[in-house]
């Protein structure tokens, strides 16, 4: 698992732990963000399937009453520096992950095109 993915998982675990510590469901947490972050988005963050945009991360931090240290850790796990700017190594790594996913999709597409050609020849 790539570092970016591990960090997203760590951010998700932190988010879930803090949410559960407050006794909130994902829907209730969403309501505390005034709908800025939907329950499905929260679920994807908690499972590490999404990094999240800064305004949503900050809305969750506020809704969960995170300490400054927790908020900084949460941001850093998702690749944001203290000034809210995504650091260059994170951008590069995310780009590498997207490029790998694109290569996999191209391979799958080629395989599916081959299968389709075989079906059409019958």
PDB file of N, CA and C in Angstrom:
ATOM      1  N   UNK A   1       0.843  -1.175   0.000  1.00  0.00           N
ATOM      2  CA  UNK A   1       0.000   0.000   0.000  1.00  0.00           C
ATOM      3  C   UNK A   1       0.895   1.247   0.000  1.00  0.00           C
ATOM      4  N   UNK A   2       0.581   2.184  -0.872  1.00  0.00           N
ATOM      5  CA  UNK A   2       1.375   3.413  -0.986  1.00  0.00           C
ATOM      6  C   UNK A   2       1.196   4.277   0.255  1.00  0.00           C
ATOM      7  N   UNK A   3       2.199   5.133   0.520  1.00  0.00           N
ATOM      8  CA  UNK A   3       2.164   6.003   1.689  1.00  0.00           C
ATOM      9  C   UNK A   3       0.919   6.884   1.682  1.00  0.00           C
ATOM     10  N   UNK A   4       0.544   7.435   0.529  1.00  0.00           N
ATOM     11  CA  UNK A   4      -0.638   8.291   0.442  1.00  0.00           C
ATOM     12  C   UNK A   4      -1.865   7.514   0.895  1.00  0.00           C
ATOM     13  N   UNK A   5      -1.995   6.272   0.437  1.00  0.00           N
ATOM     14  CA  UNK A   5      -3.141   5.458   0.821  1.00  0.00           C
ATOM     15  C   UNK A   5      -3.118   5.147   2.310  1.00  0.00           C
ATOM     16  N   UNK A   6      -1.919   4.835   2.852  1.00  0.00           N
ATOM     17  CA  UNK A   6      -1.812   4.556   4.283  1.00  0.00           C
ATOM     18  C   UNK A   6      -2.214   5.778   5.095  1.00  0.00           C
ATOM     19  N   UNK A   7      -1.777   6.948   4.644  1.00  0.00           N
ATOM     20  CA  UNK A   7      -2.115   8.170   5.355  1.00  0.00           C
ATOM     21  C   UNK A   7      -3.611   8.449   5.297  1.00  0.00           C
ATOM     22  N   UNK A   8      -4.238   8.186   4.153  1.00  0.00           N
ATOM     23  CA  UNK A   8      -5.685   8.357   4.052  1.00  0.00           C
ATOM     24  C   UNK A   8      -6.406   7.402   4.999  1.00  0.00           C
ATOM     25  N   UNK A   9      -5.913   6.188   5.109  1.00  0.00           N
ATOM     26  CA  UNK A   9      -6.510   5.215   6.034  1.00  0.00           C
ATOM     27  C   UNK A   9      -6.337   5.699   7.464  1.00  0.00           C
ATOM     28  N   UNK A  10      -5.151   6.222   7.788  1.00  0.00           N
ATOM     29  CA  UNK A  10      -4.909   6.748   9.136  1.00  0.00           C
ATOM     30  C   UNK A  10      -5.836   7.920   9.431  1.00  0.00           C
ATOM     31  N   UNK A  11      -6.038   8.798   8.449  1.00  0.00           N
ATOM     32  CA  UNK A  11      -6.961   9.923   8.622  1.00  0.00           C
ATOM     33  C   UNK A  11      -8.375   9.412   8.864  1.00  0.00           C
ATOM     34  N   UNK A  12      -8.745   8.385   8.113  1.00  0.00           N
ATOM     35  CA  UNK A  12     -10.076   7.800   8.270  1.00  0.00           C
ATOM     36  C   UNK A  12     -10.273   7.191   9.647  1.00  0.00           C
ATOM     37  N   UNK A  13      -9.250   6.514  10.140  1.00  0.00           N
ATOM     38  CA  UNK A  13      -9.337   5.913  11.479  1.00  0.00           C
ATOM     39  C   UNK A  13      -9.473   6.994  12.545  1.00  0.00           C
ATOM     40  N   UNK A  14      -8.708   8.081  12.389  1.00  0.00           N
ATOM     41  CA  UNK A  14      -8.792   9.187  13.340  1.00  0.00           C
ATOM     42  C   UNK A  14     -10.187   9.799  13.306  1.00  0.00           C
ATOM     43  N   UNK A  15     -10.703  10.046  12.119  1.00  0.00           N
ATOM     44  CA  UNK A  15     -12.036  10.621  11.967  1.00  0.00           C
ATOM     45  C   UNK A  15     -13.092   9.733  12.617  1.00  0.00           C
ATOM     46  N   UNK A  16     -13.028   8.454  12.334  1.00  0.00           N
ATOM     47  CA  UNK A  16     -14.018   7.519  12.884  1.00  0.00           C
ATOM     48  C   UNK A  16     -13.914   7.442  14.405  1.00  0.00           C
ATOM     49  N   UNK A  17     -12.695   7.382  14.918  1.00  0.00           N
ATOM     50  CA  UNK A  17     -12.508   7.302  16.374  1.00  0.00           C
ATOM     51  C   UNK A  17     -13.071   8.536  17.066  1.00  0.00           C
ATOM     52  N   UNK A  18     -12.809   9.701  16.513  1.00  0.00           N
ATOM     53  CA  UNK A  18     -13.315  10.938  17.122  1.00  0.00           C
ATOM     54  C   UNK A  18     -14.836  11.024  17.009  1.00  0.00           C
ATOM     55  N   UNK A  19     -15.365  10.586  15.874  1.00  0.00           N
ATOM     56  CA  UNK A  19     -16.830  10.589  15.697  1.00  0.00           C
ATOM     57  C   UNK A  19     -17.485   9.661  16.698  1.00  0.00           C
ATOM     58  N   UNK A  20     -16.940   8.445  16.833  1.00  0.00           N
ATOM     59  CA  UNK A  20     -17.513   7.478  17.766  1.00  0.00           C
ATOM     60  C   UNK A  20     -17.336   7.922  19.219  1.00  0.00           C
ATOM     61  N   UNK A  21     -16.227   8.571  19.510  1.00  0.00           N
ATOM     62  CA  UNK A  21     -15.985   9.095  20.851  1.00  0.00           C
ATOM     63  C   UNK A  21     -17.069  10.097  21.244  1.00  0.00           C
ATOM     64  N   UNK A  22     -17.566  10.848  20.251  1.00  0.00           N
ATOM     65  CA  UNK A  22     -18.639  11.821  20.489  1.00  0.00           C
ATOM     66  C   UNK A  22     -20.020  11.158  20.447  1.00  0.00           C
ATOM     67  N   UNK A  23     -20.064   9.870  20.090  1.00  0.00           N
ATOM     68  CA  UNK A  23     -21.337   9.152  20.028  1.00  0.00           C
ATOM     69  C   UNK A  23     -22.203   9.576  18.850  1.00  0.00           C
ATOM     70  N   UNK A  24     -21.555   9.974  17.761  1.00  0.00           N
ATOM     71  CA  UNK A  24     -22.293  10.466  16.598  1.00  0.00           C
ATOM     72  C   UNK A  24     -22.328   9.436  15.475  1.00  0.00           C
ATOM     73  N   UNK A  25     -23.439   9.396  14.777  1.00  0.00           N
ATOM     74  CA  UNK A  25     -23.504   8.616  13.537  1.00  0.00           C
ATOM     75  C   UNK A  25     -22.909   9.476  12.428  1.00  0.00           C
ATOM     76  N   UNK A  26     -22.691   8.862  11.286  1.00  0.00           N
ATOM     77  CA  UNK A  26     -22.176   9.635  10.156  1.00  0.00           C
ATOM     78  C   UNK A  26     -23.172  10.711   9.740  1.00  0.00           C
ATOM     79  N   UNK A  27     -24.440  10.392   9.798  1.00  0.00           N
ATOM     80  CA  UNK A  27     -25.493  11.360   9.457  1.00  0.00           C
ATOM     81  C   UNK A  27     -25.489  12.523  10.444  1.00  0.00           C
ATOM     82  N   UNK A  28     -25.358  12.212  11.727  1.00  0.00           N
ATOM     83  CA  UNK A  28     -25.338  13.275  12.734  1.00  0.00           C
ATOM     84  C   UNK A  28     -24.117  14.183  12.565  1.00  0.00           C
ATOM     85  N   UNK A  29     -22.981  13.579  12.239  1.00  0.00           N
ATOM     86  CA  UNK A  29     -21.789  14.380  12.006  1.00  0.00           C
ATOM     87  C   UNK A  29     -22.000  15.273  10.786  1.00  0.00           C
ATOM     88  N   UNK A  30     -22.602  14.729   9.745  1.00  0.00           N
ATOM     89  CA  UNK A  30     -22.906  15.512   8.555  1.00  0.00           C
ATOM     90  C   UNK A  30     -23.774  16.716   8.912  1.00  0.00           C
ATOM     91  N   UNK A  31     -24.756  16.490   9.739  1.00  0.00           N
ATOM     92  CA  UNK A  31     -25.641  17.581  10.165  1.00  0.00           C
ATOM     93  C   UNK A  31     -24.862  18.652  10.927  1.00  0.00           C
ATOM     94  N   UNK A  32     -23.877  18.222  11.720  1.00  0.00           N
ATOM     95  CA  UNK A  32     -23.055  19.193  12.464  1.00  0.00           C
ATOM     96  C   UNK A  32     -22.189  20.043  11.545  1.00  0.00           C
ATOM     97  N   UNK A  33     -21.958  19.574  10.320  1.00  0.00           N
ATOM     98  CA  UNK A  33     -21.198  20.379   9.352  1.00  0.00           C
ATOM     99  C   UNK A  33     -22.141  21.234   8.516  1.00  0.00           C
ATOM    100  N   UNK A  34     -23.419  21.274   8.899  1.00  0.00           N
ATOM    101  CA  UNK A  34     -24.446  22.010   8.138  1.00  0.00           C
ATOM    102  C   UNK A  34     -24.523  21.524   6.699  1.00  0.00           C
ATOM    103  N   UNK A  35     -24.286  20.230   6.511  1.00  0.00           N
ATOM    104  CA  UNK A  35     -24.401  19.635   5.193  1.00  0.00           C
ATOM    105  C   UNK A  35     -23.209  19.866   4.276  1.00  0.00           C
ATOM    106  N   UNK A  36     -22.154  20.497   4.791  1.00  0.00           N
ATOM    107  CA  UNK A  36     -20.952  20.710   3.977  1.00  0.00           C
ATOM    108  C   UNK A  36     -20.353  19.364   3.580  1.00  0.00           C
ATOM    109  N   UNK A  37     -20.433  18.407   4.499  1.00  0.00           N
ATOM    110  CA  UNK A  37     -19.908  17.060   4.244  1.00  0.00           C
ATOM    111  C   UNK A  37     -21.062  16.073   4.432  1.00  0.00           C
ATOM    112  N   UNK A  38     -21.406  15.371   3.377  1.00  0.00           N
ATOM    113  CA  UNK A  38     -22.498  14.413   3.444  1.00  0.00           C
ATOM    114  C   UNK A  38     -22.083  13.112   4.119  1.00  0.00           C
ATOM    115  N   UNK A  39     -23.058  12.316   4.583  1.00  0.00           N
ATOM    116  CA  UNK A  39     -22.744  11.048   5.252  1.00  0.00           C
ATOM    117  C   UNK A  39     -21.971  10.071   4.370  1.00  0.00           C
ATOM    118  N   UNK A  40     -22.254  10.037   3.084  1.00  0.00           N
ATOM    119  CA  UNK A  40     -21.530   9.145   2.177  1.00  0.00           C
ATOM    120  C   UNK A  40     -20.072   9.584   2.061  1.00  0.00           C
ATOM    121  N   UNK A  41     -19.860  10.881   2.008  1.00  0.00           N
ATOM    122  CA  UNK A  41     -18.501  11.425   1.942  1.00  0.00           C
ATOM    123  C   UNK A  41     -17.731  11.064   3.215  1.00  0.00           C
ATOM    124  N   UNK A  42     -18.401  11.168   4.352  1.00  0.00           N
ATOM    125  CA  UNK A  42     -17.780  10.807   5.639  1.00  0.00           C
ATOM    126  C   UNK A  42     -17.400   9.328   5.627  1.00  0.00           C
ATOM    127  N   UNK A  43     -18.291   8.495   5.137  1.00  0.00           N
ATOM    128  CA  UNK A  43     -18.013   7.054   5.074  1.00  0.00           C
ATOM    129  C   UNK A  43     -16.793   6.778   4.206  1.00  0.00           C
ATOM    130  N   UNK A  44     -16.687   7.448   3.071  1.00  0.00           N
ATOM    131  CA  UNK A  44     -15.539   7.249   2.175  1.00  0.00           C
ATOM    132  C   UNK A  44     -14.251   7.759   2.800  1.00  0.00           C
ATOM    133  N   UNK A  45     -14.332   8.857   3.552  1.00  0.00           N
ATOM    134  CA  UNK A  45     -13.153   9.352   4.267  1.00  0.00           C
ATOM    135  C   UNK A  45     -12.728   8.346   5.334  1.00  0.00           C
ATOM    136  N   UNK A  46     -13.690   7.842   6.076  1.00  0.00           N
ATOM    137  CA  UNK A  46     -13.382   6.917   7.176  1.00  0.00           C
ATOM    138  C   UNK A  46     -12.758   5.618   6.697  1.00  0.00           C
ATOM    139  N   UNK A  47     -13.076   5.195   5.503  1.00  0.00           N
ATOM    140  CA  UNK A  47     -12.511   3.950   4.972  1.00  0.00           C
ATOM    141  C   UNK A  47     -11.237   4.181   4.176  1.00  0.00           C
ATOM    142  N   UNK A  48     -10.802   5.439   4.089  1.00  0.00           N
ATOM    143  CA  UNK A  48      -9.564   5.748   3.377  1.00  0.00           C
ATOM    144  C   UNK A  48      -9.695   5.772   1.877  1.00  0.00           C
ATOM    145  N   UNK A  49     -10.932   5.812   1.363  1.00  0.00           N
ATOM    146  CA  UNK A  49     -11.151   5.811  -0.081  1.00  0.00           C
ATOM    147  C   UNK A  49     -11.186   7.212  -0.676  1.00  0.00           C
ATOM    148  N   UNK A  50     -10.993   8.214   0.168  1.00  0.00           N
ATOM    149  CA  UNK A  50     -11.107   9.592  -0.289  1.00  0.00           C
ATOM    150  C   UNK A  50     -10.204  10.458   0.555  1.00  0.00           C
ATOM    151  N   UNK A  51      -9.549  11.418  -0.064  1.00  0.00           N
ATOM    152  CA  UNK A  51      -8.677  12.331   0.685  1.00  0.00           C
ATOM    153  C   UNK A  51      -9.455  13.528   1.213  1.00  0.00           C
ATOM    154  N   UNK A  52     -10.347  14.069   0.450  1.00  0.00           N
ATOM    155  CA  UNK A  52     -11.155  15.186   0.917  1.00  0.00           C
ATOM    156  C   UNK A  52     -10.554  16.546   0.607  1.00  0.00           C
ATOM    157  N   UNK A  53     -11.423  17.486   0.383  1.00  0.00           N
ATOM    158  CA  UNK A  53     -11.003  18.860   0.132  1.00  0.00           C
ATOM    159  C   UNK A  53     -10.858  19.582   1.458  1.00  0.00           C
ATOM    160  N   UNK A  54     -10.019  20.594   1.446  1.00  0.00           N
ATOM    161  CA  UNK A  54      -9.654  21.285   2.673  1.00  0.00           C
ATOM    162  C   UNK A  54     -10.859  21.854   3.410  1.00  0.00           C
ATOM    163  N   UNK A  55     -11.799  22.475   2.701  1.00  0.00           N
ATOM    164  CA  UNK A  55     -12.943  23.070   3.395  1.00  0.00           C
ATOM    165  C   UNK A  55     -13.803  21.994   4.080  1.00  0.00           C
ATOM    166  N   UNK A  56     -13.843  20.801   3.508  1.00  0.00           N
ATOM    167  CA  UNK A  56     -14.601  19.716   4.129  1.00  0.00           C
ATOM    168  C   UNK A  56     -13.852  19.150   5.339  1.00  0.00           C
ATOM    169  N   UNK A  57     -12.535  19.047   5.210  1.00  0.00           N
ATOM    170  CA  UNK A  57     -11.712  18.578   6.328  1.00  0.00           C
ATOM    171  C   UNK A  57     -11.853  19.527   7.507  1.00  0.00           C
ATOM    172  N   UNK A  58     -11.800  20.826   7.213  1.00  0.00           N
ATOM    173  CA  UNK A  58     -11.916  21.828   8.272  1.00  0.00           C
ATOM    174  C   UNK A  58     -13.316  21.830   8.888  1.00  0.00           C
ATOM    175  N   UNK A  59     -14.352  21.604   8.068  1.00  0.00           N
ATOM    176  CA  UNK A  59     -15.723  21.535   8.593  1.00  0.00           C
ATOM    177  C   UNK A  59     -15.880  20.353   9.550  1.00  0.00           C
ATOM    178  N   UNK A  60     -15.263  19.227   9.202  1.00  0.00           N
ATOM    179  CA  UNK A  60     -15.316  18.048  10.085  1.00  0.00           C
ATOM    180  C   UNK A  60     -14.562  18.312  11.384  1.00  0.00           C
ATOM    181  N   UNK A  61     -13.409  18.953  11.275  1.00  0.00           N
ATOM    182  CA  UNK A  61     -12.614  19.263  12.465  1.00  0.00           C
ATOM    183  C   UNK A  61     -13.407  20.157  13.413  1.00  0.00           C
ATOM    184  N   UNK A  62     -14.076  21.143  12.864  1.00  0.00           N
ATOM    185  CA  UNK A  62     -14.888  22.050  13.675  1.00  0.00           C
ATOM    186  C   UNK A  62     -16.068  21.313  14.304  1.00  0.00           C
ATOM    187  N   UNK A  63     -16.735  20.491  13.501  1.00  0.00           N
ATOM    188  CA  UNK A  63     -17.907  19.748  13.987  1.00  0.00           C
ATOM    189  C   UNK A  63     -17.539  18.770  15.098  1.00  0.00           C
ATOM    190  N   UNK A  64     -16.332  18.220  15.022  1.00  0.00           N
ATOM    191  CA  UNK A  64     -15.882  17.256  16.033  1.00  0.00           C
ATOM    192  C   UNK A  64     -15.119  17.918  17.186  1.00  0.00           C
ATOM    193  N   UNK A  65     -14.996  19.241  17.103  1.00  0.00           N
ATOM    194  CA  UNK A  65     -14.278  19.999  18.132  1.00  0.00           C
ATOM    195  C   UNK A  65     -12.876  19.433  18.347  1.00  0.00           C
ATOM    196  N   UNK A  66     -12.188  19.184  17.223  1.00  0.00           N
ATOM    197  CA  UNK A  66     -10.820  18.663  17.295  1.00  0.00           C
ATOM    198  C   UNK A  66      -9.914  19.695  17.963  1.00  0.00           C
ATOM    199  N   UNK A  67      -8.943  19.180  18.693  1.00  0.00           N
ATOM    200  CA  UNK A  67      -7.912  20.061  19.234  1.00  0.00           C
ATOM    201  C   UNK A  67      -7.054  20.539  18.063  1.00  0.00           C
ATOM    202  N   UNK A  68      -6.243  21.556  18.292  1.00  0.00           N
ATOM    203  CA  UNK A  68      -5.353  22.033  17.230  1.00  0.00           C
ATOM    204  C   UNK A  68      -4.416  20.917  16.777  1.00  0.00           C
ATOM    205  N   UNK A  69      -3.942  20.128  17.718  1.00  0.00           N
ATOM    206  CA  UNK A  69      -3.030  19.030  17.381  1.00  0.00           C
ATOM    207  C   UNK A  69      -3.743  17.971  16.534  1.00  0.00           C
ATOM    208  N   UNK A  70      -4.967  17.611  16.911  1.00  0.00           N
ATOM    209  CA  UNK A  70      -5.733  16.627  16.138  1.00  0.00           C
ATOM    210  C   UNK A  70      -6.008  17.150  14.735  1.00  0.00           C
ATOM    211  N   UNK A  71      -6.381  18.416  14.651  1.00  0.00           N
ATOM    212  CA  UNK A  71      -6.689  19.028  13.366  1.00  0.00           C
ATOM    213  C   UNK A  71      -5.449  19.037  12.470  1.00  0.00           C
ATOM    214  N   UNK A  72      -4.316  19.402  13.022  1.00  0.00           N
ATOM    215  CA  UNK A  72      -3.061  19.416  12.251  1.00  0.00           C
ATOM    216  C   UNK A  72      -2.697  18.008  11.780  1.00  0.00           C
ATOM    217  N   UNK A  73      -2.875  17.022  12.661  1.00  0.00           N
ATOM    218  CA  UNK A  73      -2.585  15.632  12.304  1.00  0.00           C
ATOM    219  C   UNK A  73      -3.525  15.158  11.198  1.00  0.00           C
ATOM    220  N   UNK A  74      -4.806  15.459  11.338  1.00  0.00           N
ATOM    221  CA  UNK A  74      -5.814  15.088  10.352  1.00  0.00           C
ATOM    222  C   UNK A  74      -5.454  15.685   8.989  1.00  0.00           C
ATOM    223  N   UNK A  75      -5.118  16.972   8.984  1.00  0.00           N
ATOM    224  CA  UNK A  75      -4.718  17.638   7.742  1.00  0.00           C
ATOM    225  C   UNK A  75      -3.465  16.997   7.151  1.00  0.00           C
ATOM    226  N   UNK A  76      -2.482  16.728   8.003  1.00  0.00           N
ATOM    227  CA  UNK A  76      -1.217  16.188   7.491  1.00  0.00           C
ATOM    228  C   UNK A  76      -1.397  14.797   6.911  1.00  0.00           C
ATOM    229  N   UNK A  77      -2.242  13.968   7.531  1.00  0.00           N
ATOM    230  CA  UNK A  77      -2.519  12.643   6.979  1.00  0.00           C
ATOM    231  C   UNK A  77      -3.080  12.752   5.558  1.00  0.00           C
ATOM    232  N   UNK A  78      -3.817  13.828   5.295  1.00  0.00           N
ATOM    233  CA  UNK A  78      -4.451  13.996   3.991  1.00  0.00           C
ATOM    234  C   UNK A  78      -3.610  14.834   3.039  1.00  0.00           C
ATOM    235  N   UNK A  79      -2.357  15.111   3.455  1.00  0.00           N
ATOM    236  CA  UNK A  79      -1.413  15.757   2.565  1.00  0.00           C
ATOM    237  C   UNK A  79      -1.414  17.268   2.604  1.00  0.00           C
ATOM    238  N   UNK A  80      -2.111  17.862   3.561  1.00  0.00           N
ATOM    239  CA  UNK A  80      -2.157  19.319   3.658  1.00  0.00           C
ATOM    240  C   UNK A  80      -1.169  19.796   4.703  1.00  0.00           C
ATOM    241  N   UNK A  81      -0.454  20.847   4.365  1.00  0.00           N
ATOM    242  CA  UNK A  81       0.447  21.473   5.321  1.00  0.00           C
ATOM    243  C   UNK A  81      -0.333  22.396   6.237  1.00  0.00           C
ATOM    244  N   UNK A  82       0.334  23.000   7.207  1.00  0.00           N
ATOM    245  CA  UNK A  82      -0.353  23.881   8.156  1.00  0.00           C
ATOM    246  C   UNK A  82      -1.008  25.083   7.483  1.00  0.00           C
ATOM    247  N   UNK A  83      -0.485  25.482   6.321  1.00  0.00           N
ATOM    248  CA  UNK A  83      -1.054  26.634   5.620  1.00  0.00           C
ATOM    249  C   UNK A  83      -2.195  26.234   4.681  1.00  0.00           C
ATOM    250  N   UNK A  84      -2.538  24.942   4.662  1.00  0.00           N
ATOM    251  CA  UNK A  84      -3.629  24.464   3.824  1.00  0.00           C
ATOM    252  C   UNK A  84      -3.234  24.102   2.413  1.00  0.00           C
ATOM    253  N   UNK A  85      -1.956  24.201   2.102  1.00  0.00           N
ATOM    254  CA  UNK A  85      -1.470  23.875   0.762  1.00  0.00           C
ATOM    255  C   UNK A  85      -1.050  22.408   0.733  1.00  0.00           C
ATOM    256  N   UNK A  86      -1.427  21.714  -0.332  1.00  0.00           N
ATOM    257  CA  UNK A  86      -1.023  20.321  -0.489  1.00  0.00           C
ATOM    258  C   UNK A  86       0.470  20.308  -0.797  1.00  0.00           C
ATOM    259  N   UNK A  87       1.209  19.485  -0.059  1.00  0.00           N
ATOM    260  CA  UNK A  87       2.653  19.460  -0.274  1.00  0.00           C
ATOM    261  C   UNK A  87       2.995  18.733  -1.580  1.00  0.00           C
ATOM    262  N   UNK A  88       4.110  19.104  -2.183  1.00  0.00           N
ATOM    263  CA  UNK A  88       4.511  18.579  -3.490  1.00  0.00           C
ATOM    264  C   UNK A  88       4.666  17.063  -3.514  1.00  0.00           C
ATOM    265  N   UNK A  89       5.318  16.437  -2.498  1.00  0.00           N
ATOM    266  CA  UNK A  89       5.423  14.972  -2.555  1.00  0.00           C
ATOM    267  C   UNK A  89       4.063  14.287  -2.584  1.00  0.00           C
ATOM    268  N   UNK A  90       3.089  14.860  -1.906  1.00  0.00           N
ATOM    269  CA  UNK A  90       1.746  14.271  -1.919  1.00  0.00           C
ATOM    270  C   UNK A  90       1.125  14.392  -3.299  1.00  0.00           C
ATOM    271  N   UNK A  91       1.281  15.549  -3.923  1.00  0.00           N
ATOM    272  CA  UNK A  91       0.745  15.738  -5.273  1.00  0.00           C
ATOM    273  C   UNK A  91       1.389  14.747  -6.237  1.00  0.00           C
ATOM    274  N   UNK A  92       2.699  14.615  -6.157  1.00  0.00           N
ATOM    275  CA  UNK A  92       3.420  13.697  -7.046  1.00  0.00           C
ATOM    276  C   UNK A  92       2.947  12.265  -6.820  1.00  0.00           C
ATOM    277  N   UNK A  93       2.818  11.860  -5.562  1.00  0.00           N
ATOM    278  CA  UNK A  93       2.395  10.492  -5.258  1.00  0.00           C
ATOM    279  C   UNK A  93       0.971  10.246  -5.744  1.00  0.00           C
ATOM    280  N   UNK A  94       0.078  11.229  -5.529  1.00  0.00           N
ATOM    281  CA  UNK A  94      -1.294  11.070  -6.010  1.00  0.00           C
ATOM    282  C   UNK A  94      -1.328  10.944  -7.526  1.00  0.00           C
ATOM    283  N   UNK A  95      -0.491  11.716  -8.199  1.00  0.00           N
ATOM    284  CA  UNK A  95      -0.405  11.626  -9.651  1.00  0.00           C
ATOM    285  C   UNK A  95       0.087  10.244 -10.072  1.00  0.00           C
ATOM    286  N   UNK A  96       1.070   9.707  -9.369  1.00  0.00           N
ATOM    287  CA  UNK A  96       1.576   8.366  -9.678  1.00  0.00           C
ATOM    288  C   UNK A  96       0.480   7.322  -9.495  1.00  0.00           C
ATOM    289  N   UNK A  97      -0.305   7.460  -8.441  1.00  0.00           N
ATOM    290  CA  UNK A  97      -1.400   6.515  -8.188  1.00  0.00           C
ATOM    291  C   UNK A  97      -2.422   6.594  -9.308  1.00  0.00           C
ATOM    292  N   UNK A  98      -2.780   7.810  -9.720  1.00  0.00           N
ATOM    293  CA  UNK A  98      -3.746   7.982 -10.809  1.00  0.00           C
ATOM    294  C   UNK A  98      -3.198   7.400 -12.102  1.00  0.00           C
ATOM    295  N   UNK A  99      -1.910   7.610 -12.370  1.00  0.00           N
ATOM    296  CA  UNK A  99      -1.303   7.057 -13.577  1.00  0.00           C
ATOM    297  C   UNK A  99      -1.324   5.529 -13.563  1.00  0.00           C
ATOM    298  N   UNK A 100      -1.081   4.928 -12.399  1.00  0.00           N
ATOM    299  CA  UNK A 100      -1.159   3.465 -12.279  1.00  0.00           C
ATOM    300  C   UNK A 100      -2.577   2.980 -12.525  1.00  0.00           C
ATOM    301  N   UNK A 101      -3.548   3.695 -11.970  1.00  0.00           N
ATOM    302  CA  UNK A 101      -4.944   3.310 -12.175  1.00  0.00           C
ATOM    303  C   UNK A 101      -5.331   3.431 -13.643  1.00  0.00           C
ATOM    304  N   UNK A 102      -4.856   4.489 -14.302  1.00  0.00           N
ATOM    305  CA  UNK A 102      -5.136   4.675 -15.716  1.00  0.00           C
ATOM    306  C   UNK A 102      -4.523   3.545 -16.547  1.00  0.00           C
ATOM    307  N   UNK A 103      -3.301   3.155 -16.232  1.00  0.00           N
ATOM    308  CA  UNK A 103      -2.646   2.051 -16.944  1.00  0.00           C
ATOM    309  C   UNK A 103      -3.446   0.759 -16.764  1.00  0.00           C
ATOM    310  N   UNK A 104      -3.923   0.510 -15.544  1.00  0.00           N
ATOM    311  CA  UNK A 104      -4.739  -0.682 -15.290  1.00  0.00           C
ATOM    312  C   UNK A 104      -6.031  -0.638 -16.098  1.00  0.00           C
ATOM    313  N   UNK A 105      -6.646   0.535 -16.165  1.00  0.00           N
ATOM    314  CA  UNK A 105      -7.892   0.676 -16.930  1.00  0.00           C
ATOM    315  C   UNK A 105      -7.649   0.434 -18.422  1.00  0.00           C
ATOM    316  N   UNK A 106      -6.526   0.929 -18.922  1.00  0.00           N
ATOM    317  CA  UNK A 106      -6.198   0.715 -20.331  1.00  0.00           C
ATOM    318  C   UNK A 106      -5.996  -0.771 -20.614  1.00  0.00           C
ATOM    319  N   UNK A 107      -5.337  -1.464 -19.692  1.00  0.00           N
ATOM    320  CA  UNK A 107      -5.136  -2.906 -19.838  1.00  0.00           C
ATOM    321  C   UNK A 107      -6.480  -3.622 -19.842  1.00  0.00           C
ATOM    322  N   UNK A 108      -7.347  -3.255 -18.904  1.00  0.00           N
ATOM    323  CA  UNK A 108      -8.680  -3.861 -18.838  1.00  0.00           C
ATOM    324  C   UNK A 108      -9.475  -3.586 -20.111  1.00  0.00           C
ATOM    325  N   UNK A 109      -9.376  -2.358 -20.613  1.00  0.00           N
ATOM    326  CA  UNK A 109     -10.090  -1.994 -21.834  1.00  0.00           C
ATOM    327  C   UNK A 109      -9.601  -2.836 -23.011  1.00  0.00           C
ATOM    328  N   UNK A 110      -8.286  -3.013 -23.105  1.00  0.00           N
ATOM    329  CA  UNK A 110      -7.736  -3.840 -24.182  1.00  0.00           C
ATOM    330  C   UNK A 110      -8.237  -5.272 -24.098  1.00  0.00           C
ATOM    331  N   UNK A 111      -8.284  -5.802 -22.881  1.00  0.00           N
ATOM    332  CA  UNK A 111      -8.774  -7.166 -22.676  1.00  0.00           C
ATOM    333  C   UNK A 111     -10.245  -7.262 -23.063  1.00  0.00           C
ATOM    334  N   UNK A 112     -11.043  -6.284 -22.668  1.00  0.00           N
ATOM    335  CA  UNK A 112     -12.471  -6.294 -22.984  1.00  0.00           C
ATOM    336  C   UNK A 112     -12.728  -6.134 -24.477  1.00  0.00           C
ATOM    337  N   UNK A 113     -11.907  -5.312 -25.129  1.00  0.00           N
ATOM    338  CA  UNK A 113     -12.044  -5.151 -26.575  1.00  0.00           C
ATOM    339  C   UNK A 113     -11.746  -6.472 -27.278  1.00  0.00           C
ATOM    340  N   UNK A 114     -10.729  -7.203 -26.799  1.00  0.00           N
ATOM    341  CA  UNK A 114     -10.400  -8.510 -27.362  1.00  0.00           C
ATOM    342  C   UNK A 114     -11.549  -9.496 -27.188  1.00  0.00           C
ATOM    343  N   UNK A 115     -12.158  -9.481 -26.000  1.00  0.00           N
ATOM    344  CA  UNK A 115     -13.287 -10.370 -25.746  1.00  0.00           C
ATOM    345  C   UNK A 115     -14.474 -10.006 -26.636  1.00  0.00           C
ATOM    346  N   UNK A 116     -14.692  -8.710 -26.823  1.00  0.00           N
ATOM    347  CA  UNK A 116     -15.790  -8.259 -27.675  1.00  0.00           C
ATOM    348  C   UNK A 116     -15.559  -8.688 -29.119  1.00  0.00           C
ATOM    349  N   UNK A 117     -14.325  -8.553 -29.598  1.00  0.00           N
ATOM    350  CA  UNK A 117     -13.999  -8.986 -30.957  1.00  0.00           C
ATOM    351  C   UNK A 117     -14.280 -10.471 -31.131  1.00  0.00           C
ATOM    352  N   UNK A 118     -13.917 -11.276 -30.118  1.00  0.00           N
ATOM    353  CA  UNK A 118     -14.165 -12.715 -30.180  1.00  0.00           C
ATOM    354  C   UNK A 118     -15.663 -13.016 -30.225  1.00  0.00           C
ATOM    355  N   UNK A 119     -16.433 -12.300 -29.439  1.00  0.00           N
ATOM    356  CA  UNK A 119     -17.875 -12.494 -29.436  1.00  0.00           C
ATOM    357  C   UNK A 119     -18.507 -12.105 -30.771  1.00  0.00           C
ATOM    358  N   UNK A 120     -18.029 -11.035 -31.361  1.00  0.00           N
ATOM    359  CA  UNK A 120     -18.583 -10.570 -32.634  1.00  0.00           C
ATOM    360  C   UNK A 120     -18.225 -11.494 -33.792  1.00  0.00           C
ATOM    361  N   UNK A 121     -17.105 -12.245 -33.671  1.00  0.00           N
ATOM    362  CA  UNK A 121     -16.687 -13.166 -34.715  1.00  0.00           C
ATOM    363  C   UNK A 121     -17.528 -14.439 -34.717  1.00  0.00           C
ATOM    364  N   UNK A 122     -18.222 -14.696 -33.658  1.00  0.00           N
ATOM    365  CA  UNK A 122     -19.029 -15.935 -33.573  1.00  0.00           C
ATOM    366  C   UNK A 122     -20.257 -15.875 -34.418  1.00  0.00           C
TER     367      UNK A 122
END
